[in-house]
């Protein structure tokens, strides 16, 4: 299994993670939510690994711009999944599927270094 980094090209955190990966593990794959869509089949595995609450970025600009009714509608994994598919920018980034099958969210250079050895 290869390493796949999911995110959005213009996200600053994703840019830092991609630069780090390019330097330390150039064989990784990048999946752009904006160009390739959110892989709906992968969301349940991400939720199981990190929890839907961590996966849903309630601190980001996209979330803050949503109307109150849309925010209030997100109350469980199913409603969060619906929101993430409709608004990919509400997914905390990057999501990384590591070669060992583990899944992480966010960029921590020390953690990345441990994982790629």
Protein backbone atom coordinates (compact mmCIF):
# COMPACT_ATOMS: atom_id res chain seq x y z
CA UNK A 1 0.00 0.00 0.00
CA UNK A 2 1.30 3.43 -0.91
CA UNK A 3 0.92 6.60 1.10
CA UNK A 4 -1.96 8.81 -0.03
CA UNK A 5 -2.29 12.39 1.16
CA UNK A 6 -5.77 13.89 0.72
CA UNK A 7 -6.48 17.58 0.77
CA UNK A 8 -6.89 20.77 -1.18
CA UNK A 9 -4.07 22.22 -3.27
CA UNK A 10 -4.36 25.76 -1.93
CA UNK A 11 -4.56 24.85 1.78
CA UNK A 12 -1.43 26.09 3.59
CA UNK A 13 -1.23 23.02 5.84
CA UNK A 14 -1.55 20.72 2.84
CA UNK A 15 1.17 22.70 1.04
CA UNK A 16 3.53 22.18 4.01
CA UNK A 17 2.67 18.48 4.22
CA UNK A 18 3.18 17.99 0.48
CA UNK A 19 6.53 19.78 0.57
CA UNK A 20 7.61 17.57 3.47
CA UNK A 21 6.48 14.42 1.68
CA UNK A 22 8.16 15.45 -1.58
CA UNK A 23 11.45 15.79 0.28
CA UNK A 24 11.21 12.71 2.50
CA UNK A 25 8.96 10.25 0.64
CA UNK A 26 8.56 11.32 -2.99
CA UNK A 27 6.57 8.18 -3.90
CA UNK A 28 3.42 9.34 -2.13
CA UNK A 29 0.17 10.09 -3.98
CA UNK A 30 -1.86 13.29 -3.66
CA UNK A 31 -5.65 13.32 -3.98
CA UNK A 32 -7.17 16.78 -4.41
CA UNK A 33 -10.70 17.03 -3.01
CA UNK A 34 -11.53 19.93 -5.33
CA UNK A 35 -10.40 18.20 -8.53
CA UNK A 36 -11.03 14.53 -7.74
CA UNK A 37 -13.82 14.79 -5.19
CA UNK A 38 -14.07 13.31 -1.72
CA UNK A 39 -13.76 9.53 -1.91
CA UNK A 40 -17.10 8.64 -0.29
CA UNK A 41 -16.05 5.02 0.14
CA UNK A 42 -13.09 6.12 2.29
CA UNK A 43 -15.03 8.35 4.72
CA UNK A 44 -16.20 5.49 6.99
CA UNK A 45 -12.58 4.30 7.47
CA UNK A 46 -11.44 7.85 8.26
CA UNK A 47 -14.28 8.27 10.74
CA UNK A 48 -13.45 4.94 12.38
CA UNK A 49 -9.79 5.91 12.68
CA UNK A 50 -10.08 9.48 13.99
CA UNK A 51 -13.77 10.09 14.70
CA UNK A 52 -16.12 12.26 12.70
CA UNK A 53 -15.76 15.09 15.22
CA UNK A 54 -12.02 15.37 14.50
CA UNK A 55 -12.48 14.94 10.78
CA UNK A 56 -15.00 17.79 10.56
CA UNK A 57 -13.14 21.09 10.75
CA UNK A 58 -15.38 23.43 12.70
CA UNK A 59 -12.58 26.01 13.00
CA UNK A 60 -12.16 26.63 9.27
CA UNK A 61 -13.47 29.41 7.07
CA UNK A 62 -15.87 27.16 5.18
CA UNK A 63 -17.59 26.04 8.38
CA UNK A 64 -17.82 29.59 9.70
CA UNK A 65 -19.47 30.75 6.47
CA UNK A 66 -22.23 28.12 6.67
CA UNK A 67 -25.62 29.29 7.86
CA UNK A 68 -26.69 28.30 11.36
CA UNK A 69 -29.22 25.76 10.10
CA UNK A 70 -26.56 23.88 8.11
CA UNK A 71 -24.25 23.82 11.13
CA UNK A 72 -27.03 22.66 13.44
CA UNK A 73 -27.91 19.84 11.05
CA UNK A 74 -24.53 18.18 11.70
CA UNK A 75 -25.17 16.08 14.78
CA UNK A 76 -23.76 12.62 14.04
CA UNK A 77 -21.49 10.69 11.70
CA UNK A 78 -24.12 10.37 8.97
CA UNK A 79 -24.95 14.08 8.89
CA UNK A 80 -21.24 14.98 9.07
CA UNK A 81 -20.54 12.65 6.14
CA UNK A 82 -23.29 14.35 4.12
CA UNK A 83 -21.76 17.75 4.89
CA UNK A 84 -18.22 16.57 4.01
CA UNK A 85 -19.36 15.22 0.66
CA UNK A 86 -21.25 18.43 -0.13
CA UNK A 87 -18.55 20.79 1.22
CA UNK A 88 -15.10 19.11 0.94
CA UNK A 89 -13.45 22.16 2.50
CA UNK A 90 -14.97 21.28 5.89
CA UNK A 91 -12.71 18.22 6.12
CA UNK A 92 -9.69 18.81 8.34
CA UNK A 93 -6.56 18.48 6.25
CA UNK A 94 -4.53 16.70 5.29
CA UNK A 95 -5.97 13.24 5.72
CA UNK A 96 -3.18 10.71 5.24
CA UNK A 97 -3.55 7.01 4.59
CA UNK A 98 -0.20 5.50 5.52
CA UNK A 99 1.44 2.42 4.01
CA UNK A 100 0.69 0.43 7.19
CA UNK A 101 -3.04 1.16 6.83
CA UNK A 102 -3.20 3.75 9.59
CA UNK A 103 -4.96 7.07 9.03
CA UNK A 104 -4.07 10.49 10.43
CA UNK A 105 -5.49 13.98 10.13
CA UNK A 106 -3.36 17.13 10.19
CA UNK A 107 0.33 17.74 9.65
CA UNK A 108 2.93 17.03 12.32
CA UNK A 109 6.46 16.78 10.85
CA UNK A 110 7.71 14.66 13.77
CA UNK A 111 4.82 12.20 13.37
CA UNK A 112 5.34 12.06 9.60
CA UNK A 113 9.06 11.34 10.15
CA UNK A 114 8.24 8.47 12.52
CA UNK A 115 5.82 6.98 10.03
CA UNK A 116 8.06 7.06 6.96
CA UNK A 117 11.12 5.92 8.91
